[in-house]
Amino acid sequence: MHTISSFQDKWKDIHLDGTCLMCLCRRPEYGLPCGHSFCGIDIQRFGAILDNDPHRFIVNSCFLCSQDTHGAQFRFKPKTKGVNVLGIDGGGVRGVIPLQSLLLLEQKLKLYLPDFPIQNLFDVAFGTSSGGLIVMAMFLNGLPVTECMEVFEKLSLKTFDRGFISSNSIFSRLRELLISYFADSLYSAHNLEEGLQAQFGDKTSLMDHSAATSKGAKVGITVTGVPNAALIFTNYNGVGSRLSKSGYRHILSDDTSNRVRVWEAYLLPYYIKKIGKKLQDGGLWRNNPIDIALSEARKLWPTITEPDIVLSLGTGYQVNEDAEMSDPSPTETSPLFSSPVIPTDLGRAEIAMATTLQDVQQPRGLWRSGFITRCLESFLSTMDGQKFYDLPNQWNRAADDMKRYFRLNVQLQGKTPALDDVVLTVRDLQVLIPISLRFGNSNRSIIEGRNISASPFTVNGLLEAQGWNSSFGRADHGPTEPDDIARLTLERKRASKTIKRHSKARSKNISKRQRR
């Protein structure tokens, strides 16, 4: 160690992410503020044990250049500890659904684990699109769920601002199509880039030291390469046992100059010169990343045959009204187990033929069931994380070990909200809407908010109670201050005179037309 530190001035200009410069044997996964990166073995070998915990270490200065690391801490999974895996679906603004699921779960566990963030329970976490944003905010930045909700809401409002008023007219749709084609995106890349950099920093990379490193969490996100390629970004630089092909490629860093910054992984579609690829949203190939998270967990810890807990969070699903289902919740019963078993290929062929004949007999509309509509529906079905989860054979889930796997999702009523729908909508005017009151912006105030008197309300009930359905906005149409009363009285007199003049002029025009 003394010999290495004697060349600290020369080490400042040497940075590699493909090989650990301490052992020259393993791939590094832990980056320090100075830019040097090391493998986990050398962090434990040359770092100092923290708080007498044999699995926690602190590195006060770089092993090579001796630059201060501001007390970077690292945690490693004990050899006898199991693995807990988290996967969060993509879904645009519907990302608030898994956030609510995490908040409710954290509140339920508070009785047993007080002041324990929910993300500390998981060793591996993967997300797609908005799910990846949640994973990175909670694990890399260490944000609590409640604060992550606020960040997610602000970023959604900023990202999905088109800069113009959209409508359902054919001209508005044509304008959106032209903008999407020439700008390669319907929304402003500047708004998204600005919001991501404000949240994650403009130079922070996935390999940099973070809250996830301090807690020992391995996190990643899925992306799609152009042309079609299944890719993942992670904070551990592809370490692990990778002897066989997995169906996707790990984007690795071999030099500090090639490190992908966190905000770049979300600014999609985006061309990253460092890796020579244009990237798209990961939902195009794996909107539900739970199988990727499981695959990576087995590569990171090959001795783990089965994880302790696997939690998959959805962003809402919708049941086809034409489909007959014995159980309304697809998370409780998989179609593979609830459907009758057909032992022969002949039986499958008979059912397929019957289904085809039934479809042919139904009247077909060009718009509702035409070729373009069917192609669009087929494409959107590939982004349905719920359908993917309900087919365990697709991702090697053991059917006889279902107690380890959990899926939290919400069935959406009515039309499925669009991925960019940041406007509050209700199913009908009789739906109860709770209105809560809280003081301050602390996490505790958000959680302990209390419903105001008579809440929840229906929209119709609230309109009637407040007088908002009256012509002038109030039931009595009256102001509250004397000055306002005088001003309003004068405005009413002027308005009355104007109405009378218009009425007389209209009457004269009508009488003239009748005479002609």
Protein backbone atom coordinates (compact mmCIF):
# COMPACT_ATOMS: atom_id res chain seq x y z
CA MET A 1 0.00 0.00 0.00
CA HIS A 2 2.88 2.35 0.78
CA THR A 3 4.41 1.72 -2.66
CA ILE A 4 1.13 2.48 -4.42
CA SER A 5 0.54 5.72 -2.52
CA SER A 6 4.05 6.94 -3.33
CA PHE A 7 2.92 7.41 -6.95
CA GLN A 8 -0.26 9.30 -6.05
CA ASP A 9 0.52 12.21 -8.39
CA LYS A 10 0.76 9.88 -11.37
CA TRP A 11 -2.43 8.00 -10.41
CA LYS A 12 -4.47 11.20 -10.81
CA ASP A 13 -4.24 10.89 -14.60
CA ILE A 14 -4.95 7.15 -14.78
CA HIS A 15 -8.58 6.02 -14.64
CA LEU A 16 -10.00 2.67 -15.70
CA ASP A 17 -13.45 1.14 -15.24
CA GLY A 18 -12.64 -2.12 -17.02
CA THR A 19 -10.07 -3.37 -14.51
CA CYS A 20 -9.57 -2.67 -10.82
CA LEU A 21 -6.19 -0.91 -10.55
CA MET A 22 -5.59 -2.28 -7.05
CA CYS A 23 -5.83 -6.01 -7.80
CA LEU A 24 -5.71 -6.06 -11.64
CA CYS A 25 -7.98 -9.12 -11.43
CA ARG A 26 -11.59 -8.07 -11.15
CA ARG A 27 -13.97 -5.58 -12.71
CA PRO A 28 -14.53 -2.48 -10.54
CA GLU A 29 -18.03 -1.47 -9.49
CA TYR A 30 -17.60 1.24 -6.85
CA GLY A 31 -16.64 4.73 -8.00
CA LEU A 32 -15.10 7.38 -5.75
CA PRO A 33 -15.39 11.19 -6.12
CA CYS A 34 -11.86 11.35 -7.56
CA GLY A 35 -12.91 9.18 -10.52
CA HIS A 36 -11.09 5.98 -9.54
CA SER A 37 -13.14 2.82 -9.14
CA PHE A 38 -12.48 -0.39 -7.25
CA CYS A 39 -13.86 -3.88 -6.84
CA GLY A 40 -15.76 -4.93 -3.74
CA ILE A 41 -12.94 -7.18 -2.51
CA ASP A 42 -10.46 -4.28 -2.41
CA ILE A 43 -12.98 -1.96 -0.72
CA GLN A 44 -13.23 -4.52 2.09
CA ARG A 45 -9.48 -5.20 2.08
CA PHE A 46 -8.23 -1.63 2.27
CA GLY A 47 -11.25 0.16 3.76
CA ALA A 48 -11.97 0.51 7.48
CA ILE A 49 -14.73 -1.42 9.24
CA LEU A 50 -17.54 0.92 10.29
CA ASP A 51 -19.29 0.70 13.70
CA ASN A 52 -17.91 -2.79 14.38
CA ASP A 53 -20.12 -4.13 11.59
CA PRO A 54 -18.13 -6.62 9.47
CA HIS A 55 -20.32 -5.82 6.46
CA ARG A 56 -20.00 -2.01 6.54
CA PHE A 57 -16.87 -0.15 5.48
CA ILE A 58 -15.72 3.44 5.14
CA VAL A 59 -13.13 4.84 2.75
CA ASN A 60 -11.80 8.24 3.81
CA SER A 61 -9.37 8.73 0.93
CA CYS A 62 -8.67 7.13 -2.43
CA PHE A 63 -6.28 4.18 -2.31
CA LEU A 64 -4.43 5.49 -5.37
CA CYS A 65 -4.41 9.30 -5.42
CA SER A 66 -5.19 9.88 -1.70
CA GLN A 67 -7.93 12.38 -2.55
CA ASP A 68 -10.53 12.91 0.17
CA THR A 69 -13.73 10.90 -0.42
CA HIS A 70 -15.84 12.73 2.20
CA GLY A 71 -16.29 9.55 4.20
CA ALA A 72 -17.74 7.30 1.48
CA GLN A 73 -19.51 4.32 3.07
CA PHE A 74 -20.14 0.88 1.59
CA ARG A 75 -22.30 -2.02 2.67
CA PHE A 76 -22.03 -5.65 1.55
CA LYS A 77 -24.61 -8.41 1.78
CA PRO A 78 -23.79 -11.01 4.44
CA LYS A 79 -23.12 -14.42 2.92
CA THR A 80 -25.97 -16.06 4.81
CA LYS A 81 -28.53 -13.36 4.01
CA GLY A 82 -31.19 -13.96 1.39
CA VAL A 83 -32.04 -11.61 -1.46
CA ASN A 84 -35.10 -9.37 -1.77
CA VAL A 85 -35.96 -8.17 -5.27
CA LEU A 86 -38.07 -5.19 -6.41
CA GLY A 87 -39.36 -4.44 -9.89
CA ILE A 88 -41.43 -1.38 -10.91
CA ASP A 89 -43.33 -1.19 -14.20
CA GLY A 90 -43.27 1.77 -16.55
CA GLY A 91 -46.43 3.80 -17.01
CA GLY A 92 -45.76 7.52 -17.41
CA VAL A 93 -47.72 9.61 -14.93
CA ARG A 94 -49.30 6.41 -13.60
CA GLY A 95 -46.04 5.98 -11.72
CA VAL A 96 -47.87 7.49 -8.76
CA ILE A 97 -49.59 4.10 -8.33
CA PRO A 98 -46.45 2.13 -7.33
CA LEU A 99 -45.39 5.08 -5.18
CA GLN A 100 -48.69 4.84 -3.31
CA SER A 101 -48.18 1.07 -2.97
CA LEU A 102 -44.73 1.63 -1.45
CA LEU A 103 -46.08 4.27 0.91
CA LEU A 104 -48.86 2.01 2.15
CA LEU A 105 -46.42 -0.87 2.60
CA GLU A 106 -44.03 1.35 4.54
CA GLN A 107 -46.84 2.50 6.81
CA LYS A 108 -47.90 -1.10 7.47
CA LEU A 109 -44.32 -2.04 8.38
CA LYS A 110 -43.81 1.02 10.57
CA LEU A 111 -45.19 -0.88 13.57
CA TYR A 112 -42.36 -3.42 13.27
CA LEU A 113 -39.67 -1.27 11.60
CA PRO A 114 -40.06 2.35 12.78
CA ASP A 115 -38.00 4.97 10.93
CA PHE A 116 -36.93 2.36 8.37
CA PRO A 117 -37.20 3.46 4.70
CA ILE A 118 -38.93 0.89 2.53
CA GLN A 119 -36.07 0.84 -0.01
CA ASN A 120 -33.69 -0.51 2.65
CA LEU A 121 -35.53 -3.84 2.49
CA PHE A 122 -34.40 -4.63 -1.05
CA ASP A 123 -31.04 -5.85 -2.33
CA VAL A 124 -31.87 -5.56 -6.05
CA ALA A 125 -34.24 -3.04 -7.65
CA PHE A 126 -35.01 -2.51 -11.34
CA GLY A 127 -37.40 -0.15 -13.05
CA THR A 128 -38.58 0.73 -16.52
CA SER A 129 -39.33 4.27 -17.71
CA SER A 130 -41.15 6.01 -14.83
CA GLY A 131 -40.43 2.96 -12.69
CA GLY A 132 -36.72 3.44 -13.31
CA LEU A 133 -37.06 7.09 -12.33
CA ILE A 134 -38.63 6.02 -9.04
CA VAL A 135 -35.90 3.43 -8.40
CA MET A 136 -33.11 5.92 -9.03
CA ALA A 137 -34.71 8.66 -6.93
CA MET A 138 -35.35 6.35 -3.98
CA PHE A 139 -32.15 4.29 -4.11
CA LEU A 140 -29.48 6.53 -5.68
CA ASN A 141 -30.66 9.77 -4.08
CA GLY A 142 -32.05 8.11 -0.96
CA LEU A 143 -35.34 10.03 -1.11
CA PRO A 144 -38.22 8.88 1.11
CA VAL A 145 -41.38 7.80 -0.69
CA THR A 146 -43.29 10.95 0.20
CA GLU A 147 -40.59 13.24 -1.15
CA CYS A 148 -40.27 11.05 -4.23
CA MET A 149 -43.98 11.64 -4.87
CA GLU A 150 -43.47 15.40 -4.89
CA VAL A 151 -40.46 15.13 -7.20
CA PHE A 152 -42.33 12.79 -9.53
CA GLU A 153 -45.33 15.13 -9.73
CA LYS A 154 -43.21 18.21 -10.49
CA LEU A 155 -41.16 16.36 -13.11
CA SER A 156 -44.31 15.00 -14.77
CA LEU A 157 -45.89 18.44 -15.04
CA LYS A 158 -42.67 19.87 -16.48
CA THR A 159 -41.98 16.98 -18.85
CA PHE A 160 -45.46 16.59 -20.35
CA ASP A 161 -45.93 20.29 -21.11
CA ARG A 162 -46.37 20.40 -24.88
CA GLY A 163 -46.20 24.17 -25.10
CA PHE A 164 -49.48 24.35 -27.00
CA ILE A 165 -53.11 23.51 -26.38
CA SER A 166 -54.05 20.10 -27.76
CA SER A 167 -57.50 19.00 -28.85
CA ASN A 168 -59.11 16.03 -30.51
CA SER A 169 -59.48 17.76 -33.86
CA ILE A 170 -57.82 16.26 -36.91
CA PHE A 171 -55.69 19.41 -37.37
CA SER A 172 -54.40 19.19 -33.79
CA ARG A 173 -53.56 15.51 -34.23
CA LEU A 174 -51.79 16.25 -37.52
CA ARG A 175 -49.75 19.01 -35.88
CA GLU A 176 -48.72 16.64 -33.06
CA LEU A 177 -47.71 14.02 -35.63
CA LEU A 178 -45.53 16.49 -37.54
CA ILE A 179 -43.89 17.76 -34.36
CA SER A 180 -43.20 14.19 -33.21
CA TYR A 181 -41.70 13.26 -36.58
CA PHE A 182 -39.32 16.20 -37.01
CA ALA A 183 -38.41 16.67 -33.32
CA ASP A 184 -38.28 12.89 -32.67
CA SER A 185 -40.40 13.55 -29.59
CA LEU A 186 -43.78 15.03 -28.77
CA TYR A 187 -42.43 16.83 -25.71
CA SER A 188 -39.61 19.26 -25.15
CA ALA A 189 -36.29 17.49 -24.51
CA HIS A 190 -35.08 20.68 -22.83
CA ASN A 191 -37.76 20.48 -20.14
CA LEU A 192 -36.97 16.85 -19.39
CA GLU A 193 -33.22 17.40 -19.43
CA GLU A 194 -33.52 20.40 -17.12
CA GLY A 195 -35.71 18.51 -14.67
CA LEU A 196 -33.49 15.41 -14.62
CA GLN A 197 -30.32 17.40 -14.13
CA ALA A 198 -31.90 19.34 -11.28
CA GLN A 199 -32.80 16.08 -9.57
CA PHE A 200 -29.76 13.88 -10.30
CA GLY A 201 -27.07 16.40 -11.20
CA ASP A 202 -25.56 17.08 -14.61
CA LYS A 203 -22.38 15.06 -14.02
CA THR A 204 -23.50 12.25 -11.71
CA SER A 205 -23.01 8.81 -13.22
CA LEU A 206 -24.51 5.49 -12.22
CA MET A 207 -21.13 4.28 -10.91
CA ASP A 208 -20.64 7.25 -8.60
CA HIS A 209 -20.96 6.74 -4.88
CA SER A 210 -24.59 7.09 -3.81
CA ALA A 211 -27.10 6.22 -1.11
CA ALA A 212 -27.56 2.86 -2.85
CA THR A 213 -23.85 2.11 -2.43
CA SER A 214 -24.02 2.97 1.28
CA LYS A 215 -26.95 0.56 1.70
CA GLY A 216 -25.51 -2.16 -0.53
CA ALA A 217 -28.33 -2.02 -3.09
CA LYS A 218 -27.86 -3.05 -6.72
CA VAL A 219 -30.12 -1.01 -8.99
CA GLY A 220 -30.72 -0.73 -12.71
CA ILE A 221 -33.05 0.41 -15.47
CA THR A 222 -34.05 -1.08 -18.80
CA VAL A 223 -33.60 0.76 -22.11
CA THR A 224 -34.09 -0.14 -25.76
CA GLY A 225 -31.35 0.36 -28.31
CA VAL A 226 -31.83 1.42 -31.95
CA PRO A 227 -32.01 -0.80 -33.89
CA ASN A 228 -33.95 -3.13 -31.61
CA ALA A 229 -31.69 -4.14 -28.73
CA ALA A 230 -32.43 -5.09 -25.12
CA LEU A 231 -30.10 -3.12 -22.83
CA ILE A 232 -29.74 -2.33 -19.13
CA PHE A 233 -27.90 0.34 -17.12
CA THR A 234 -26.79 -0.50 -13.56
CA ASN A 235 -24.80 0.99 -10.70
CA TYR A 236 -22.51 -2.07 -10.41
CA ASN A 237 -20.84 -2.05 -13.84
CA GLY A 238 -21.84 -5.56 -14.86
CA VAL A 239 -20.04 -7.54 -12.15
CA GLY A 240 -21.21 -11.06 -11.39
CA SER A 241 -21.16 -14.49 -12.96
CA ARG A 242 -22.14 -14.08 -16.63
CA LEU A 243 -21.22 -17.35 -18.31
CA SER A 244 -24.39 -17.77 -20.36
CA LYS A 245 -26.33 -15.43 -22.61
CA SER A 246 -29.25 -13.73 -20.90
CA GLY A 247 -31.16 -12.21 -23.83
CA TYR A 248 -30.11 -8.65 -23.00
CA ARG A 249 -26.85 -6.71 -22.90
CA HIS A 250 -25.31 -4.89 -19.98
CA ILE A 251 -23.97 -1.46 -20.95
CA LEU A 252 -20.55 -1.34 -19.27
CA SER A 253 -18.08 1.42 -18.55
CA ASP A 254 -14.43 0.79 -19.40
CA ASP A 255 -13.20 4.32 -18.77
CA THR A 256 -14.39 7.22 -16.65
CA SER A 257 -14.97 9.26 -19.81
CA ASN A 258 -17.45 6.60 -20.99
CA ARG A 259 -19.59 6.64 -17.88
CA VAL A 260 -23.23 7.30 -18.65
CA ARG A 261 -24.70 10.04 -16.53
CA VAL A 262 -27.96 9.32 -14.73
CA TRP A 263 -29.98 11.94 -16.59
CA GLU A 264 -28.78 10.60 -19.96
CA ALA A 265 -30.34 7.21 -19.20
CA TYR A 266 -33.78 8.87 -19.07
CA LEU A 267 -33.55 11.48 -21.84
CA LEU A 268 -35.03 9.14 -24.43
CA PRO A 269 -34.88 8.93 -27.37
CA TYR A 270 -31.29 10.10 -27.04
CA TYR A 271 -28.03 9.37 -28.83
CA ILE A 272 -25.14 8.75 -26.43
CA LYS A 273 -21.80 9.22 -28.18
CA LYS A 274 -19.92 7.38 -25.42
CA ILE A 275 -21.56 4.07 -26.32
CA GLY A 276 -22.36 4.88 -29.95
CA LYS A 277 -26.05 4.06 -29.70
CA LYS A 278 -29.39 5.78 -29.82
CA LEU A 279 -31.58 4.69 -26.93
CA GLN A 280 -35.33 4.50 -26.49
CA ASP A 281 -37.68 3.80 -23.63
CA GLY A 282 -37.20 0.37 -22.04
CA GLY A 283 -40.94 -0.27 -22.13
CA LEU A 284 -40.60 -1.17 -25.81
CA TRP A 285 -39.05 -4.51 -24.83
CA ARG A 286 -39.67 -5.01 -21.10
CA ASN A 287 -42.22 -2.76 -19.41
CA ASN A 288 -42.26 -5.13 -16.43
CA PRO A 289 -38.59 -5.61 -15.45
CA ILE A 290 -39.11 -8.17 -12.68
CA ASP A 291 -37.52 -11.00 -14.67
CA ILE A 292 -34.47 -8.82 -15.40
CA ALA A 293 -34.13 -8.06 -11.68
CA LEU A 294 -34.32 -11.78 -10.85
CA SER A 295 -31.81 -12.66 -13.54
CA GLU A 296 -29.34 -10.06 -12.27
CA ALA A 297 -29.80 -11.20 -8.67
CA ARG A 298 -28.79 -14.75 -9.66
CA LYS A 299 -25.76 -13.43 -11.55
CA LEU A 300 -24.65 -11.27 -8.62
CA TRP A 301 -25.05 -14.05 -6.06
CA PRO A 302 -24.89 -17.41 -7.88
CA THR A 303 -25.25 -19.36 -4.62
CA ILE A 304 -28.76 -17.97 -4.10
CA THR A 305 -31.15 -20.47 -5.70
CA GLU A 306 -34.36 -18.59 -4.89
CA PRO A 307 -34.88 -15.06 -3.52
CA ASP A 308 -36.58 -14.51 -0.18
CA ILE A 309 -39.11 -11.98 -1.47
CA VAL A 310 -39.95 -10.75 -4.96
CA LEU A 311 -42.16 -7.66 -5.15
CA SER A 312 -43.49 -6.46 -8.50
CA LEU A 313 -45.33 -3.12 -8.62
CA GLY A 314 -47.69 -2.25 -11.47
CA THR A 315 -48.99 1.06 -12.77
CA GLY A 316 -52.61 -0.05 -13.15
CA TYR A 317 -54.32 -2.53 -15.44
CA GLN A 318 -57.65 -2.74 -17.23
CA VAL A 319 -59.72 -5.87 -17.73
CA ASN A 320 -61.26 -6.35 -21.14
CA GLU A 321 -65.02 -5.95 -20.75
CA ASP A 322 -65.63 -8.69 -23.33
CA ALA A 323 -63.45 -11.18 -21.49
CA GLU A 324 -65.17 -13.47 -19.05
CA MET A 325 -63.16 -13.79 -15.87
CA SER A 326 -64.04 -15.80 -12.80
CA ASP A 327 -61.77 -13.66 -10.65
CA PRO A 328 -61.46 -9.89 -11.27
CA SER A 329 -57.93 -9.79 -9.92
CA PRO A 330 -55.29 -11.19 -12.28
CA THR A 331 -52.68 -10.89 -9.57
CA GLU A 332 -54.30 -13.62 -7.51
CA THR A 333 -54.95 -16.20 -10.21
CA SER A 334 -52.82 -16.75 -13.25
CA PRO A 335 -54.54 -17.66 -16.53
CA LEU A 336 -52.26 -20.69 -16.70
CA PHE A 337 -53.81 -22.07 -13.54
CA SER A 338 -57.41 -20.86 -13.83
CA SER A 339 -57.96 -21.97 -17.43
CA PRO A 340 -58.90 -25.59 -18.21
CA VAL A 341 -55.91 -27.69 -19.26
CA ILE A 342 -55.97 -28.98 -22.82
CA PRO A 343 -53.61 -31.98 -23.04
CA THR A 344 -53.40 -32.27 -26.83
CA ASP A 345 -52.54 -30.00 -29.73
CA LEU A 346 -55.87 -31.00 -31.32
CA GLY A 347 -57.75 -29.43 -28.44
CA ARG A 348 -55.78 -26.23 -28.81
CA ALA A 349 -56.47 -26.18 -32.56
CA GLU A 350 -60.23 -26.64 -31.99
CA ILE A 351 -60.36 -23.72 -29.57
CA ALA A 352 -58.29 -21.53 -31.90
CA MET A 353 -60.60 -22.37 -34.82
CA ALA A 354 -63.71 -21.65 -32.74
CA THR A 355 -62.28 -18.31 -31.64
CA THR A 356 -61.40 -17.40 -35.23
CA LEU A 357 -64.89 -18.26 -36.52
CA GLN A 358 -66.45 -16.22 -33.74
CA ASP A 359 -64.32 -13.21 -34.67
CA VAL A 360 -65.25 -13.56 -38.35
CA GLN A 361 -68.95 -13.63 -37.56
CA GLN A 362 -68.71 -10.36 -35.61
CA PRO A 363 -69.26 -7.14 -37.59
CA ARG A 364 -65.96 -5.38 -38.18
CA GLY A 365 -65.46 -1.65 -38.38
CA LEU A 366 -62.46 -0.22 -40.17
CA TRP A 367 -61.63 2.16 -37.32
CA ARG A 368 -62.51 -0.03 -34.32
CA SER A 369 -61.00 -3.30 -35.55
CA GLY A 370 -59.12 -2.49 -38.73
CA PHE A 371 -55.54 -3.41 -39.55
CA ILE A 372 -53.98 -0.24 -38.10
CA THR A 373 -56.01 -0.48 -34.89
CA ARG A 374 -55.10 -4.15 -34.45
CA CYS A 375 -51.41 -3.40 -34.96
CA LEU A 376 -51.56 -0.58 -32.42
CA GLU A 377 -53.36 -2.75 -29.88
CA SER A 378 -50.86 -5.55 -30.43
CA PHE A 379 -47.97 -3.13 -29.84
CA LEU A 380 -49.56 -1.68 -26.69
CA SER A 381 -50.20 -5.18 -25.32
CA THR A 382 -46.44 -5.76 -25.24
CA MET A 383 -46.23 -2.90 -22.73
CA ASP A 384 -48.79 -4.51 -20.40
CA GLY A 385 -46.74 -5.46 -17.36
CA GLN A 386 -49.71 -7.22 -15.75
CA LYS A 387 -50.15 -9.70 -18.60
CA PHE A 388 -46.43 -10.44 -18.51
CA TYR A 389 -46.54 -11.12 -14.76
CA ASP A 390 -49.53 -13.44 -15.11
CA LEU A 391 -47.54 -15.77 -17.39
CA PRO A 392 -44.87 -17.21 -15.05
CA ASN A 393 -43.45 -19.52 -17.72
CA GLN A 394 -42.21 -16.43 -19.55
CA TRP A 395 -39.84 -15.46 -16.76
CA ASN A 396 -39.02 -18.75 -14.99
CA ARG A 397 -41.12 -18.17 -11.92
CA ALA A 398 -41.47 -21.39 -9.93
CA ALA A 399 -45.15 -22.34 -9.86
CA ASP A 400 -44.72 -24.37 -6.67
CA ASP A 401 -43.10 -21.51 -4.77
CA MET A 402 -45.65 -18.73 -5.17
CA LYS A 403 -45.40 -17.55 -1.55
CA ARG A 404 -42.19 -15.72 -2.38
CA TYR A 405 -43.75 -13.63 -5.17
CA PHE A 406 -46.02 -10.63 -4.68
CA ARG A 407 -47.69 -8.35 -7.18
CA LEU A 408 -49.33 -5.05 -6.18
CA ASN A 409 -51.45 -3.42 -8.85
CA VAL A 410 -54.69 -1.48 -9.22
CA GLN A 411 -57.54 -2.24 -11.59
CA LEU A 412 -58.44 0.93 -13.48
CA GLN A 413 -62.08 1.74 -14.06
CA GLY A 414 -63.21 3.26 -17.34
CA LYS A 415 -60.74 4.45 -19.94
CA THR A 416 -57.08 3.81 -19.10
CA PRO A 417 -55.31 7.13 -18.34
CA ALA A 418 -52.77 8.15 -20.96
CA LEU A 419 -49.08 8.02 -20.07
CA ASP A 420 -48.94 11.83 -20.18
CA ASP A 421 -52.30 12.52 -18.49
CA VAL A 422 -51.33 14.94 -15.73
CA VAL A 423 -54.90 16.27 -15.32
CA LEU A 424 -57.03 15.00 -12.43
CA THR A 425 -60.04 13.13 -13.81
CA VAL A 426 -62.86 11.24 -12.12
CA ARG A 427 -65.00 8.41 -13.42
CA ASP A 428 -68.28 10.28 -12.84
CA LEU A 429 -69.62 13.19 -10.80
CA GLN A 430 -70.79 10.89 -7.99
CA VAL A 431 -67.33 9.49 -7.19
CA LEU A 432 -66.17 10.29 -3.65
CA ILE A 433 -63.02 12.45 -3.56
CA PRO A 434 -61.19 12.90 -0.22
CA ILE A 435 -59.79 16.37 0.52
CA SER A 436 -57.01 16.39 3.13
CA LEU A 437 -55.45 19.18 5.17
CA ARG A 438 -51.82 19.16 6.22
CA PHE A 439 -49.38 21.71 7.65
CA GLY A 440 -45.84 22.15 6.31
CA ASN A 441 -43.91 20.18 3.74
CA SER A 442 -42.36 17.57 6.02
CA ASN A 443 -42.77 13.87 5.34
CA ARG A 444 -44.68 13.46 8.59
CA SER A 445 -47.22 16.14 7.69
CA ILE A 446 -47.91 14.45 4.35
CA ILE A 447 -48.46 11.06 5.92
CA GLU A 448 -50.53 12.38 8.83
CA GLY A 449 -52.77 14.65 6.78
CA ARG A 450 -56.39 14.67 7.97
CA ASN A 451 -59.54 14.86 5.87
CA ILE A 452 -61.40 18.15 6.24
CA SER A 453 -64.93 18.19 7.65
CA ALA A 454 -67.49 16.26 5.58
CA SER A 455 -64.77 14.85 3.30
CA PRO A 456 -64.87 12.85 1.08
CA PHE A 457 -67.15 14.71 -1.32
CA THR A 458 -68.73 13.93 -4.62
CA VAL A 459 -68.12 16.45 -7.38
CA ASN A 460 -71.82 17.26 -7.62
CA GLY A 461 -72.11 17.61 -3.85
CA LEU A 462 -69.10 19.93 -3.65
CA LEU A 463 -70.40 22.11 -6.49
CA GLU A 464 -73.78 22.46 -4.86
CA ALA A 465 -72.43 23.06 -1.35
CA GLN A 466 -70.01 25.78 -2.48
CA GLY A 467 -72.37 27.36 -4.98
CA TRP A 468 -69.88 26.88 -7.79
CA ASN A 469 -72.63 25.78 -10.13
CA SER A 470 -74.31 29.20 -9.91
CA SER A 471 -74.14 31.65 -12.80
CA PHE A 472 -71.73 34.06 -11.14
CA GLY A 473 -69.73 31.49 -9.15
CA ARG A 474 -71.51 31.98 -5.79
CA ALA A 475 -74.93 30.97 -4.54
CA ASP A 476 -75.76 34.52 -3.37
CA HIS A 477 -73.61 36.23 -6.05
CA GLY A 478 -72.44 38.59 -3.32
CA PRO A 479 -69.04 39.93 -2.28
CA THR A 480 -67.71 40.08 1.26
CA GLU A 481 -66.29 43.63 1.59
CA PRO A 482 -68.18 47.00 1.44
CA ASP A 483 -65.88 48.35 -1.29
CA ASP A 484 -66.50 45.26 -3.33
CA ILE A 485 -70.27 45.70 -2.89
CA ALA A 486 -70.15 49.24 -4.27
CA ARG A 487 -67.91 48.22 -7.16
CA LEU A 488 -70.07 45.23 -7.99
CA THR A 489 -73.26 47.31 -7.86
CA LEU A 490 -71.80 49.80 -10.35
CA GLU A 491 -70.64 46.99 -12.64
CA ARG A 492 -74.10 45.43 -12.56
CA LYS A 493 -75.76 48.73 -13.52
CA ARG A 494 -73.36 49.14 -16.44
CA ALA A 495 -73.90 45.56 -17.52
CA SER A 496 -77.68 46.01 -17.27
CA LYS A 497 -77.62 49.11 -19.48
CA THR A 498 -75.42 47.33 -22.04
CA ILE A 499 -77.79 44.36 -22.15
CA LYS A 500 -80.79 46.66 -22.65
CA ARG A 501 -79.10 48.47 -25.55
CA HIS A 502 -78.23 45.20 -27.25
CA SER A 503 -81.77 43.97 -26.68
CA LYS A 504 -83.33 47.07 -28.25
CA ALA A 505 -80.98 46.91 -31.22
CA ARG A 506 -81.83 43.25 -31.77
CA SER A 507 -85.56 44.00 -31.59
CA LYS A 508 -85.23 46.76 -34.21
CA ASN A 509 -83.32 44.44 -36.57
CA ILE A 510 -85.98 41.76 -36.21
CA SER A 511 -88.81 44.20 -36.91
CA LYS A 512 -87.03 45.53 -40.02
CA ARG A 513 -86.63 42.00 -41.39
CA GLN A 514 -90.31 41.29 -40.80
CA ARG A 515 -91.35 44.42 -42.71
CA ARG A 516 -89.25 43.37 -45.69
